[in-house]
Amino acid sequence: MPARVPFSPPRESARPVSVRPVSRARPASRSGAARRPGAPSGPLLALLVALLPALPGLPAATAHADPFTPNFFDPNARPDKPDLGAVQSLRFLTDRDFPPFHYEAEDGTLKGFDVDLARALCDSLKLTCTIQARRYDTLADALDKGEGDAILGSLRIDAKSREKFDFSAPYAKTPARFARRRENLLGEATPETLRGKFVGVVAKSAHEAYLDAFFPGATRKAYDSPKALTEALKAGEVDAIFMDGVALSFWLRGPEAEGCCAFSGGPYMESRFFGEGLGIALKKGDPALREALDHALASLFAKGVAADLYLKYFPLGYY
């Protein structure tokens, strides 16, 4: 299932980077120790895949004029670069069917935010880099067997995934966001402005639990899928919706929304509901590599490289 996304070619690294596909088979399911945020296989992944191809042709009016770019590191910190000793190369493991983080383009090459981030990390660490694409459900075993050094596959950091892996510091988060129709004058979504309003959520999701906990005055309407949820907002069945900010950003900018709607309030990133963020997974007991990756990530954020990659793949922004 190639994701036909005509993004601009990735920036070349100063050191050689090879992208080596290992298997073209796709897993029947995505069970495993480290699930991606919001378990985006199924309806949510389908929504992202459906929206991605249409992005370049959209009118400029649908894009945010100045999206916020986050920094997850202390800008005043100046940590020393860890000594990697004789390490000359770094082998990243990922998969190919989670656009726009990592996906197989029409010509069979790997592209995406995580792929470009891997190149930038290796460039910062002055290491030769390989990026191996495998089935998602084989990544943990491949790391355990020493077939790769790190998994850069949009893995969610939480208590369960920490039982299996060590993680770098988060390089991204997946916040929840509200959206409303543009003509709706309720303003920023707050517990006060949404009191007595109809708010749509996906049934039995973390977003529904969060809405119940912190927006008790809102009248909740549950839907079976993200697609049904966004269609309800477009049709005016609800005053607002609350869902994954990444998927919502693509829908808002995509042709199906027809410019109807906009973000309202947030972002909401409470780790108890939405995880600690996305991190690079490592085998337990390799503090030198973890510290080196954290050092490189902090450098990329400080230099604006991470912000450039974020805006390249998420031009509307989702924070």
Protein backbone atom coordinates (compact mmCIF):
# COMPACT_ATOMS: atom_id res chain seq x y z
CA MET A 1 0.00 0.00 0.00
CA PRO A 2 2.29 2.81 -1.14
CA ALA A 3 1.34 6.22 0.25
CA ARG A 4 1.54 8.48 -2.79
CA VAL A 5 2.77 11.64 -1.12
CA PRO A 6 4.71 14.05 -3.36
CA PHE A 7 6.76 15.65 -0.60
CA SER A 8 9.96 17.41 -1.56
CA PRO A 9 13.09 15.21 -1.63
CA PRO A 10 14.73 14.75 1.76
CA ARG A 11 17.78 16.77 2.65
CA GLU A 12 20.99 14.86 1.90
CA SER A 13 23.10 13.77 4.85
CA ALA A 14 26.80 14.55 5.06
CA ARG A 15 27.47 10.84 5.59
CA PRO A 16 26.10 7.94 3.56
CA VAL A 17 22.66 6.68 4.44
CA SER A 18 21.26 3.51 2.96
CA VAL A 19 17.60 2.55 3.13
CA ARG A 20 17.31 -1.21 3.05
CA PRO A 21 13.86 -2.80 2.79
CA VAL A 22 13.75 -6.21 4.40
CA SER A 23 10.21 -7.39 3.84
CA ARG A 24 7.26 -6.18 1.84
CA ALA A 25 4.72 -8.24 3.73
CA ARG A 26 2.29 -6.41 6.01
CA PRO A 27 1.19 -7.66 9.40
CA ALA A 28 -2.37 -8.84 9.84
CA SER A 29 -2.51 -7.03 13.18
CA ARG A 30 -0.40 -4.59 15.22
CA SER A 31 -0.27 -6.27 18.59
CA GLY A 32 2.94 -5.73 20.54
CA ALA A 33 4.59 -4.17 23.54
CA ALA A 34 4.79 -0.66 22.13
CA ARG A 35 1.71 0.53 20.36
CA ARG A 36 1.64 3.75 18.42
CA PRO A 37 -0.33 6.59 19.98
CA GLY A 38 -4.05 6.06 19.88
CA ALA A 39 -3.62 2.65 18.21
CA PRO A 40 -3.92 4.22 14.74
CA SER A 41 -4.23 1.05 12.72
CA GLY A 42 -7.65 0.56 11.21
CA PRO A 43 -9.96 3.59 10.83
CA LEU A 44 -7.50 6.26 11.97
CA LEU A 45 -4.68 4.98 9.75
CA ALA A 46 -7.13 4.70 6.85
CA LEU A 47 -8.16 8.32 7.40
CA LEU A 48 -4.53 9.49 7.30
CA VAL A 49 -3.75 7.48 4.16
CA ALA A 50 -6.85 8.79 2.41
CA LEU A 51 -6.02 12.42 3.18
CA LEU A 52 -2.28 12.49 2.46
CA PRO A 53 -2.36 12.43 -1.37
CA ALA A 54 -4.54 15.51 -1.60
CA LEU A 55 -2.49 17.84 0.55
CA PRO A 56 -0.28 19.63 -2.05
CA GLY A 57 -3.19 20.91 -4.14
CA LEU A 58 -5.09 22.56 -1.35
CA PRO A 59 -5.86 26.28 -1.33
CA ALA A 60 -3.56 28.26 0.93
CA ALA A 61 -6.52 29.53 2.92
CA THR A 62 -6.87 26.15 4.62
CA ALA A 63 -3.40 26.29 6.16
CA HIS A 64 -2.49 27.93 9.46
CA ALA A 65 -0.47 31.08 8.91
CA ASP A 66 2.13 30.42 11.61
CA PRO A 67 1.89 26.95 13.19
CA PHE A 68 3.50 26.48 16.58
CA THR A 69 6.67 24.37 16.54
CA PRO A 70 7.43 22.60 19.83
CA ASN A 71 10.74 22.08 21.59
CA PHE A 72 10.92 19.24 24.11
CA PHE A 73 14.42 20.11 25.35
CA ASP A 74 15.80 22.83 27.63
CA PRO A 75 17.17 25.45 25.21
CA ASN A 76 19.69 26.60 27.83
CA ALA A 77 21.18 23.14 28.44
CA ARG A 78 24.55 22.39 26.86
CA PRO A 79 25.20 18.70 27.56
CA ASP A 80 28.51 17.15 26.60
CA LYS A 81 28.47 14.78 23.66
CA PRO A 82 28.74 11.20 24.96
CA ASP A 83 31.67 9.09 23.81
CA LEU A 84 30.49 6.33 21.48
CA GLY A 85 33.94 4.81 21.37
CA ALA A 86 34.55 2.74 18.27
CA VAL A 87 30.94 2.97 17.04
CA GLN A 88 30.97 4.08 13.39
CA SER A 89 27.45 3.25 12.26
CA LEU A 90 23.88 3.15 13.51
CA ARG A 91 21.19 0.77 12.29
CA PHE A 92 17.64 2.05 12.59
CA LEU A 93 14.62 -0.25 12.29
CA THR A 94 11.23 1.02 11.10
CA ASP A 95 8.25 -0.09 9.03
CA ARG A 96 6.70 1.28 5.88
CA ASP A 97 2.98 1.81 6.45
CA PHE A 98 2.47 4.67 8.93
CA PRO A 99 2.32 7.89 6.91
CA PRO A 100 3.47 10.58 7.26
CA PHE A 101 5.94 9.31 9.86
CA HIS A 102 7.34 6.52 7.68
CA TYR A 103 5.92 5.06 4.50
CA GLU A 104 6.83 3.54 1.17
CA ALA A 105 6.66 6.00 -1.71
CA GLU A 106 5.47 5.16 -5.20
CA ASP A 107 9.01 4.24 -6.31
CA GLY A 108 9.49 1.87 -3.35
CA THR A 109 11.76 4.15 -1.31
CA LEU A 110 11.17 4.97 2.33
CA LYS A 111 10.13 8.48 3.19
CA GLY A 112 8.61 10.29 6.12
CA PHE A 113 9.28 12.33 9.22
CA ASP A 114 10.98 9.46 11.09
CA VAL A 115 13.14 8.57 8.08
CA ASP A 116 14.38 12.14 7.69
CA LEU A 117 14.89 12.37 11.45
CA ALA A 118 17.08 9.24 11.37
CA ARG A 119 19.25 10.83 8.67
CA ALA A 120 19.56 14.05 10.67
CA LEU A 121 20.51 12.14 13.83
CA CYS A 122 23.27 10.24 12.05
CA ASP A 123 24.51 13.46 10.50
CA SER A 124 24.63 15.12 13.93
CA LEU A 125 26.48 12.16 15.47
CA LYS A 126 28.81 11.86 12.44
CA LEU A 127 27.83 8.21 12.00
CA THR A 128 27.04 6.17 8.91
CA CYS A 129 23.38 5.21 9.04
CA THR A 130 21.17 2.42 7.67
CA ILE A 131 17.39 2.38 7.85
CA GLN A 132 15.84 -1.07 7.58
CA ALA A 133 12.13 -1.45 6.85
CA ARG A 134 10.50 -4.49 8.42
CA ARG A 135 7.01 -5.58 9.36
CA TYR A 136 5.87 -3.70 12.43
CA ASP A 137 5.23 -6.88 14.41
CA THR A 138 8.83 -8.06 13.88
CA LEU A 139 10.63 -4.89 15.02
CA ALA A 140 11.00 -5.86 18.69
CA ASP A 141 12.39 -9.30 17.85
CA ALA A 142 14.83 -7.80 15.35
CA LEU A 143 16.13 -5.42 18.02
CA ASP A 144 16.44 -8.26 20.55
CA LYS A 145 18.42 -10.36 18.06
CA GLY A 146 20.86 -7.54 17.38
CA GLU A 147 19.67 -7.01 13.80
CA GLY A 148 19.35 -3.29 14.50
CA ASP A 149 20.46 -0.78 17.12
CA ALA A 150 17.28 1.27 17.57
CA ILE A 151 13.63 1.36 16.50
CA LEU A 152 12.53 4.69 15.06
CA GLY A 153 8.95 3.79 14.33
CA SER A 154 6.67 6.27 16.13
CA LEU A 155 6.55 4.11 19.26
CA ARG A 156 4.56 5.39 22.17
CA ILE A 157 6.39 5.80 25.48
CA ASP A 158 4.28 4.51 28.35
CA ALA A 159 4.57 2.15 31.31
CA LYS A 160 3.91 -0.94 29.19
CA SER A 161 6.44 -0.12 26.46
CA ARG A 162 9.08 0.76 29.09
CA GLU A 163 8.88 -2.84 30.34
CA LYS A 164 10.28 -3.94 26.97
CA PHE A 165 12.53 -1.09 25.85
CA ASP A 166 14.67 1.80 26.98
CA PHE A 167 13.71 5.03 25.23
CA SER A 168 15.29 8.24 24.12
CA ALA A 169 13.72 11.47 25.23
CA PRO A 170 10.48 12.14 23.31
CA TYR A 171 10.98 13.62 19.85
CA ALA A 172 7.26 14.23 19.25
CA LYS A 173 3.96 14.10 21.05
CA THR A 174 0.49 13.30 19.76
CA PRO A 175 -1.85 15.76 21.46
CA ALA A 176 -5.61 15.70 21.47
CA ARG A 177 -7.36 18.69 19.88
CA PHE A 178 -10.84 20.13 19.58
CA ALA A 179 -12.21 21.36 16.26
CA ARG A 180 -15.32 23.39 15.48
CA ARG A 181 -17.08 24.75 12.41
CA ARG A 182 -15.69 28.14 11.39
CA GLU A 183 -19.04 29.92 11.73
CA ASN A 184 -19.44 28.59 15.27
CA LEU A 185 -18.68 31.51 17.60
CA LEU A 186 -18.02 29.46 20.75
CA GLY A 187 -14.37 30.61 20.70
CA GLU A 188 -11.60 28.60 22.33
CA ALA A 189 -12.78 25.26 23.65
CA THR A 190 -12.80 25.34 27.45
CA PRO A 191 -14.96 23.59 30.07
CA GLU A 192 -16.98 26.83 30.30
CA THR A 193 -17.52 27.45 26.57
CA LEU A 194 -18.44 23.80 25.96
CA ARG A 195 -20.88 23.54 28.83
CA GLY A 196 -24.19 22.33 27.39
CA LYS A 197 -22.66 21.92 23.91
CA PHE A 198 -22.64 18.70 21.88
CA VAL A 199 -19.10 17.36 21.57
CA GLY A 200 -18.29 14.34 19.41
CA VAL A 201 -15.66 11.73 20.31
CA VAL A 202 -14.72 8.25 19.14
CA ALA A 203 -16.43 5.75 21.44
CA LYS A 204 -14.32 4.03 24.11
CA SER A 205 -11.24 6.11 23.28
CA ALA A 206 -8.80 7.97 25.53
CA HIS A 207 -10.38 11.15 24.17
CA GLU A 208 -13.79 10.09 25.48
CA ALA A 209 -12.28 9.35 28.91
CA TYR A 210 -10.53 12.72 28.96
CA LEU A 211 -13.71 14.55 27.97
CA ASP A 212 -15.63 12.83 30.77
CA ALA A 213 -12.95 13.72 33.31
CA PHE A 214 -12.31 17.38 32.48
CA PHE A 215 -15.32 18.60 30.46
CA PRO A 216 -18.22 17.21 32.50
CA GLY A 217 -20.59 19.96 31.38
CA ALA A 218 -20.33 19.01 27.70
CA THR A 219 -22.92 16.69 26.18
CA ARG A 220 -20.95 13.81 24.73
CA LYS A 221 -21.90 12.13 21.44
CA ALA A 222 -19.91 8.98 20.66
CA TYR A 223 -19.12 7.79 17.11
CA ASP A 224 -17.70 4.52 15.82
CA SER A 225 -14.74 5.93 13.88
CA PRO A 226 -12.71 9.10 13.24
CA LYS A 227 -14.30 9.37 9.78
CA ALA A 228 -17.81 9.30 11.24
CA LEU A 229 -16.69 11.88 13.79
CA THR A 230 -15.33 14.38 11.26
CA GLU A 231 -18.38 13.91 9.02
CA ALA A 232 -20.61 14.72 11.99
CA LEU A 233 -18.77 17.99 12.58
CA LYS A 234 -18.93 18.94 8.91
CA ALA A 235 -22.67 18.20 8.85
CA GLY A 236 -23.28 20.33 11.95
CA GLU A 237 -24.47 17.41 14.08
CA VAL A 238 -22.18 18.52 16.92
CA ASP A 239 -20.74 21.82 18.10
CA ALA A 240 -17.20 20.44 18.34
CA ILE A 241 -15.22 17.22 18.13
CA PHE A 242 -12.29 15.97 20.21
CA MET A 243 -9.78 13.54 18.72
CA ASP A 244 -6.17 12.82 17.76
CA GLY A 245 -4.56 16.09 16.70
CA VAL A 246 -2.37 14.57 13.98
CA ALA A 247 -5.25 12.98 12.07
CA LEU A 248 -7.38 16.06 12.70
CA SER A 249 -4.76 18.38 11.22
CA PHE A 250 -4.75 16.42 7.95
CA TRP A 251 -8.52 16.33 7.78
CA LEU A 252 -8.80 20.08 8.38
CA ARG A 253 -6.36 20.74 5.54
CA GLY A 254 -7.78 18.06 3.24
CA PRO A 255 -10.46 18.30 0.56
CA GLU A 256 -13.08 16.39 2.54
CA ALA A 257 -13.32 19.18 5.11
CA GLU A 258 -13.83 21.79 2.35
CA GLY A 259 -12.47 24.47 4.68
CA CYS A 260 -15.42 24.00 7.02
CA CYS A 261 -13.65 23.80 10.30
CA ALA A 262 -10.70 24.85 12.47
CA PHE A 263 -8.84 23.89 15.61
CA SER A 264 -10.25 25.26 18.86
CA GLY A 265 -8.23 25.29 22.06
CA GLY A 266 -5.53 22.94 23.25
CA PRO A 267 -3.31 21.10 22.68
CA TYR A 268 -3.97 18.51 25.38
CA MET A 269 -1.01 16.26 26.17
CA GLU A 270 -1.68 14.70 29.58
CA SER A 271 0.46 11.57 29.64
CA ARG A 272 -2.05 9.58 31.70
CA PHE A 273 -4.42 9.68 28.75
CA PHE A 274 -2.25 10.27 25.68
CA GLY A 275 1.16 8.80 26.61
CA GLU A 276 4.51 10.49 27.19
CA GLY A 277 5.20 11.00 23.49
CA LEU A 278 7.07 9.19 20.74
CA GLY A 279 10.58 7.94 21.42
CA ILE A 280 13.40 5.94 19.87
CA ALA A 281 13.33 2.43 21.35
CA LEU A 282 16.59 0.75 22.41
CA LYS A 283 17.58 -2.54 24.01
CA LYS A 284 17.78 -2.21 27.76
CA GLY A 285 21.23 -1.60 29.16
CA ASP A 286 22.75 0.71 26.52
CA PRO A 287 22.97 4.10 28.28
CA ALA A 288 25.75 5.40 26.01
CA LEU A 289 23.59 5.09 22.89
CA ARG A 290 20.56 6.56 24.66
CA GLU A 291 22.57 9.54 25.86
CA ALA A 292 24.05 10.04 22.40
CA LEU A 293 20.61 10.04 20.79
CA ASP A 294 19.29 12.46 23.42
CA HIS A 295 22.28 14.73 22.75
CA ALA A 296 21.64 14.63 18.99
CA LEU A 297 17.90 15.24 19.42
CA ALA A 298 18.55 18.25 21.65
CA SER A 299 20.97 19.60 19.03
CA LEU A 300 18.43 19.16 16.23
CA PHE A 301 15.77 21.00 18.20
CA ALA A 302 18.18 23.80 19.18
CA LYS A 303 19.28 24.33 15.56
CA GLY A 304 15.73 24.33 14.18
CA VAL A 305 16.26 21.15 12.15
CA ALA A 306 13.50 19.32 14.02
CA ALA A 307 11.12 22.26 13.47
CA ASP A 308 11.86 22.23 9.73
CA LEU A 309 11.07 18.52 9.52
CA TYR A 310 7.88 19.01 11.53
CA LEU A 311 6.62 21.74 9.20
CA LYS A 312 7.64 19.73 6.13
CA TYR A 313 5.39 16.82 7.05
CA PHE A 314 2.78 18.64 9.17
CA PRO A 315 2.33 22.02 7.45
CA LEU A 316 -0.85 22.91 9.33
CA GLY A 317 0.68 21.89 12.65
CA TYR A 318 -1.15 19.91 15.30
CA TYR A 319 0.07 21.43 18.58
